[in-house]
Amino acid sequence: MKNFLVKTVANAGALAVAVWLIDKITLTGDSTGKKIGTLLIVALIFGLVNFVVKPIVKLLSLPLLILTLGLFTLIVNALMLLLTSWLADKVDLSFHVDGFWTAVLGGLIISIVSWALNVVLPDGD
């Protein structure tokens, strides 16, 4: 359970950095508390999408992953971020990613920051 919470906080931090750095990834809210709550819920959705959908997409795109020596992972990450944005819109959360190339850049930033935060934050093992 602790590992799940650490990964969710790391995802929320990575999403916050992406929102801060990229103008076309938006998070709106009335107050800071509402923004943090929205960010945590979006991080949960993002984690769920990465847990359920991403392995299936990676398996189906395995030939492209091999052909591009793994660079197609950037596209897969962008698609997962766009799916998260779409799901957040469906549950009326104020998180939006505007466009595919924005999602590619956002996915790259989220991957790097999430990796760094998972190195720094304690592991729940």
C-alpha atoms as a PDB file:
ATOM      1  CA  MET A   1       0.000   0.000   0.000  1.00  0.00           C
ATOM      2  CA  LYS A   2       2.858   2.355   0.818  1.00  0.00           C
ATOM      3  CA  ASN A   3       4.443   1.673  -2.592  1.00  0.00           C
ATOM      4  CA  PHE A   4       1.125   2.571  -4.290  1.00  0.00           C
ATOM      5  CA  LEU A   5       0.953   5.866  -2.397  1.00  0.00           C
ATOM      6  CA  VAL A   6       4.571   6.711  -3.213  1.00  0.00           C
ATOM      7  CA  LYS A   7       4.004   6.044  -6.918  1.00  0.00           C
ATOM      8  CA  THR A   8       0.810   8.133  -6.897  1.00  0.00           C
ATOM      9  CA  VAL A   9       2.599  11.058  -5.247  1.00  0.00           C
ATOM     10  CA  ALA A  10       5.459  10.706  -7.751  1.00  0.00           C
ATOM     11  CA  ASN A  11       2.965  10.722 -10.643  1.00  0.00           C
ATOM     12  CA  ALA A  12       1.224  13.775  -9.187  1.00  0.00           C
ATOM     13  CA  GLY A  13       4.549  15.568  -8.855  1.00  0.00           C
ATOM     14  CA  ALA A  14       5.527  14.669 -12.409  1.00  0.00           C
ATOM     15  CA  LEU A  15       2.155  15.838 -13.728  1.00  0.00           C
ATOM     16  CA  ALA A  16       2.543  19.093 -11.770  1.00  0.00           C
ATOM     17  CA  VAL A  17       5.938  19.727 -13.371  1.00  0.00           C
ATOM     18  CA  ALA A  18       4.463  19.068 -16.831  1.00  0.00           C
ATOM     19  CA  VAL A  19       1.585  21.485 -16.126  1.00  0.00           C
ATOM     20  CA  TRP A  20       4.088  24.072 -14.909  1.00  0.00           C
ATOM     21  CA  LEU A  21       6.460  23.742 -17.894  1.00  0.00           C
ATOM     22  CA  ILE A  22       4.020  23.317 -20.798  1.00  0.00           C
ATOM     23  CA  ASP A  23       1.372  25.948 -21.498  1.00  0.00           C
ATOM     24  CA  LYS A  24      -0.895  23.578 -23.429  1.00  0.00           C
ATOM     25  CA  ILE A  25      -1.261  21.174 -20.503  1.00  0.00           C
ATOM     26  CA  THR A  26      -3.742  22.905 -18.246  1.00  0.00           C
ATOM     27  CA  LEU A  27      -4.976  22.366 -14.732  1.00  0.00           C
ATOM     28  CA  THR A  28      -7.562  24.841 -13.529  1.00  0.00           C
ATOM     29  CA  GLY A  29      -9.245  25.261 -10.180  1.00  0.00           C
ATOM     30  CA  ASP A  30     -10.579  27.817  -7.753  1.00  0.00           C
ATOM     31  CA  SER A  31      -7.974  27.245  -5.081  1.00  0.00           C
ATOM     32  CA  THR A  32      -4.655  25.559  -4.548  1.00  0.00           C
ATOM     33  CA  GLY A  33      -6.317  22.807  -2.519  1.00  0.00           C
ATOM     34  CA  LYS A  34      -8.727  22.043  -5.342  1.00  0.00           C
ATOM     35  CA  LYS A  35      -5.831  21.929  -7.820  1.00  0.00           C
ATOM     36  CA  ILE A  36      -3.899  19.529  -5.598  1.00  0.00           C
ATOM     37  CA  GLY A  37      -6.957  17.303  -5.202  1.00  0.00           C
ATOM     38  CA  THR A  38      -7.537  17.307  -8.945  1.00  0.00           C
ATOM     39  CA  LEU A  39      -3.864  16.540  -9.543  1.00  0.00           C
ATOM     40  CA  LEU A  40      -3.990  13.554  -7.167  1.00  0.00           C
ATOM     41  CA  ILE A  41      -7.117  12.168  -8.851  1.00  0.00           C
ATOM     42  CA  VAL A  42      -5.545  12.666 -12.300  1.00  0.00           C
ATOM     43  CA  ALA A  43      -2.413  10.899 -11.003  1.00  0.00           C
ATOM     44  CA  LEU A  44      -4.597   7.963  -9.934  1.00  0.00           C
ATOM     45  CA  ILE A  45      -6.223   7.862 -13.377  1.00  0.00           C
ATOM     46  CA  PHE A  46      -2.796   8.109 -15.029  1.00  0.00           C
ATOM     47  CA  GLY A  47      -1.492   5.257 -12.881  1.00  0.00           C
ATOM     48  CA  LEU A  48      -4.533   3.131 -13.674  1.00  0.00           C
ATOM     49  CA  VAL A  49      -4.167   3.801 -17.412  1.00  0.00           C
ATOM     50  CA  ASN A  50      -0.464   2.904 -17.240  1.00  0.00           C
ATOM     51  CA  PHE A  51      -1.239  -0.253 -15.278  1.00  0.00           C
ATOM     52  CA  VAL A  52      -4.126  -1.541 -17.420  1.00  0.00           C
ATOM     53  CA  VAL A  53      -3.846  -0.127 -20.936  1.00  0.00           C
ATOM     54  CA  LYS A  54      -0.127   0.521 -21.467  1.00  0.00           C
ATOM     55  CA  PRO A  55       1.032  -3.148 -21.339  1.00  0.00           C
ATOM     56  CA  ILE A  56      -1.578  -4.094 -23.939  1.00  0.00           C
ATOM     57  CA  VAL A  57      -0.556  -1.234 -26.240  1.00  0.00           C
ATOM     58  CA  LYS A  58       3.137  -2.060 -25.811  1.00  0.00           C
ATOM     59  CA  LEU A  59       2.497  -5.719 -26.625  1.00  0.00           C
ATOM     60  CA  LEU A  60       0.513  -4.842 -29.746  1.00  0.00           C
ATOM     61  CA  SER A  61       3.152  -2.345 -30.867  1.00  0.00           C
ATOM     62  CA  LEU A  62       6.108  -4.638 -30.133  1.00  0.00           C
ATOM     63  CA  PRO A  63       7.315  -4.731 -33.760  1.00  0.00           C
ATOM     64  CA  LEU A  64       7.412  -0.910 -33.839  1.00  0.00           C
ATOM     65  CA  LEU A  65       9.191  -0.807 -30.492  1.00  0.00           C
ATOM     66  CA  ILE A  66      11.851  -3.180 -31.803  1.00  0.00           C
ATOM     67  CA  LEU A  67      12.139  -1.406 -35.153  1.00  0.00           C
ATOM     68  CA  THR A  68      12.616   2.017 -33.539  1.00  0.00           C
ATOM     69  CA  LEU A  69      14.873   0.649 -30.773  1.00  0.00           C
ATOM     70  CA  GLY A  70      12.360   1.720 -28.131  1.00  0.00           C
ATOM     71  CA  LEU A  71      11.738   5.268 -29.346  1.00  0.00           C
ATOM     72  CA  PHE A  72       8.126   4.343 -30.079  1.00  0.00           C
ATOM     73  CA  THR A  73       7.712   4.313 -26.289  1.00  0.00           C
ATOM     74  CA  LEU A  74       7.504   8.118 -26.499  1.00  0.00           C
ATOM     75  CA  ILE A  75       4.427   7.746 -28.708  1.00  0.00           C
ATOM     76  CA  VAL A  76       2.902   5.172 -26.352  1.00  0.00           C
ATOM     77  CA  ASN A  77       3.492   7.530 -23.384  1.00  0.00           C
ATOM     78  CA  ALA A  78       1.859  10.376 -25.319  1.00  0.00           C
ATOM     79  CA  LEU A  79      -1.162   8.223 -26.074  1.00  0.00           C
ATOM     80  CA  MET A  80      -1.474   7.282 -22.390  1.00  0.00           C
ATOM     81  CA  LEU A  81      -1.353  10.974 -21.436  1.00  0.00           C
ATOM     82  CA  LEU A  82      -4.021  11.812 -24.035  1.00  0.00           C
ATOM     83  CA  LEU A  83      -6.187   8.965 -22.749  1.00  0.00           C
ATOM     84  CA  THR A  84      -5.764  10.284 -19.208  1.00  0.00           C
ATOM     85  CA  SER A  85      -6.812  13.749 -20.378  1.00  0.00           C
ATOM     86  CA  TRP A  86      -9.871  12.296 -22.105  1.00  0.00           C
ATOM     87  CA  LEU A  87     -10.857  10.273 -19.029  1.00  0.00           C
ATOM     88  CA  ALA A  88     -10.344  13.297 -16.770  1.00  0.00           C
ATOM     89  CA  ASP A  89     -12.683  15.252 -19.030  1.00  0.00           C
ATOM     90  CA  LYS A  90     -15.295  12.467 -18.800  1.00  0.00           C
ATOM     91  CA  VAL A  91     -15.281  12.594 -14.982  1.00  0.00           C
ATOM     92  CA  ASP A  92     -15.372  16.421 -15.054  1.00  0.00           C
ATOM     93  CA  LEU A  93     -11.843  17.121 -13.844  1.00  0.00           C
ATOM     94  CA  SER A  94     -10.124  20.301 -14.961  1.00  0.00           C
ATOM     95  CA  PHE A  95      -7.061  18.675 -16.549  1.00  0.00           C
ATOM     96  CA  HIS A  96      -6.505  18.963 -20.296  1.00  0.00           C
ATOM     97  CA  VAL A  97      -3.744  18.151 -22.781  1.00  0.00           C
ATOM     98  CA  ASP A  98      -4.069  20.129 -26.009  1.00  0.00           C
ATOM     99  CA  GLY A  99      -2.747  18.087 -28.925  1.00  0.00           C
ATOM    100  CA  PHE A 100      -0.569  15.131 -29.761  1.00  0.00           C
ATOM    101  CA  TRP A 101       2.825  16.876 -29.832  1.00  0.00           C
ATOM    102  CA  THR A 102       2.070  18.516 -26.516  1.00  0.00           C
ATOM    103  CA  ALA A 103       1.361  15.028 -25.173  1.00  0.00           C
ATOM    104  CA  VAL A 104       4.681  13.749 -26.564  1.00  0.00           C
ATOM    105  CA  LEU A 105       6.610  16.512 -24.796  1.00  0.00           C
ATOM    106  CA  GLY A 106       4.490  16.102 -21.656  1.00  0.00           C
ATOM    107  CA  GLY A 107       5.019  12.342 -21.660  1.00  0.00           C
ATOM    108  CA  LEU A 108       8.770  12.849 -21.915  1.00  0.00           C
ATOM    109  CA  ILE A 109       8.787  15.327 -19.027  1.00  0.00           C
ATOM    110  CA  ILE A 110       6.529  13.117 -16.902  1.00  0.00           C
ATOM    111  CA  SER A 111       8.751  10.076 -17.544  1.00  0.00           C
ATOM    112  CA  ILE A 112      11.928  11.888 -16.547  1.00  0.00           C
ATOM    113  CA  VAL A 113      10.464  13.572 -13.448  1.00  0.00           C
ATOM    114  CA  SER A 114       8.626  10.426 -12.337  1.00  0.00           C
ATOM    115  CA  TRP A 115      11.835   8.394 -12.641  1.00  0.00           C
ATOM    116  CA  ALA A 116      13.760  10.996 -10.626  1.00  0.00           C
ATOM    117  CA  LEU A 117      11.079  11.152  -7.925  1.00  0.00           C
ATOM    118  CA  ASN A 118      10.917   7.352  -7.673  1.00  0.00           C
ATOM    119  CA  VAL A 119      14.687   7.298  -7.142  1.00  0.00           C
ATOM    120  CA  VAL A 120      14.464   9.910  -4.372  1.00  0.00           C
ATOM    121  CA  LEU A 121      11.256   8.802  -2.632  1.00  0.00           C
ATOM    122  CA  PRO A 122      11.402   5.755  -0.351  1.00  0.00           C
ATOM    123  CA  ASP A 123      10.427   2.394  -1.748  1.00  0.00           C
ATOM    124  CA  GLY A 124       7.617   0.516  -0.028  1.00  0.00           C
ATOM    125  CA  ASP A 125       9.275  -2.929  -0.152  1.00  0.00           C
END
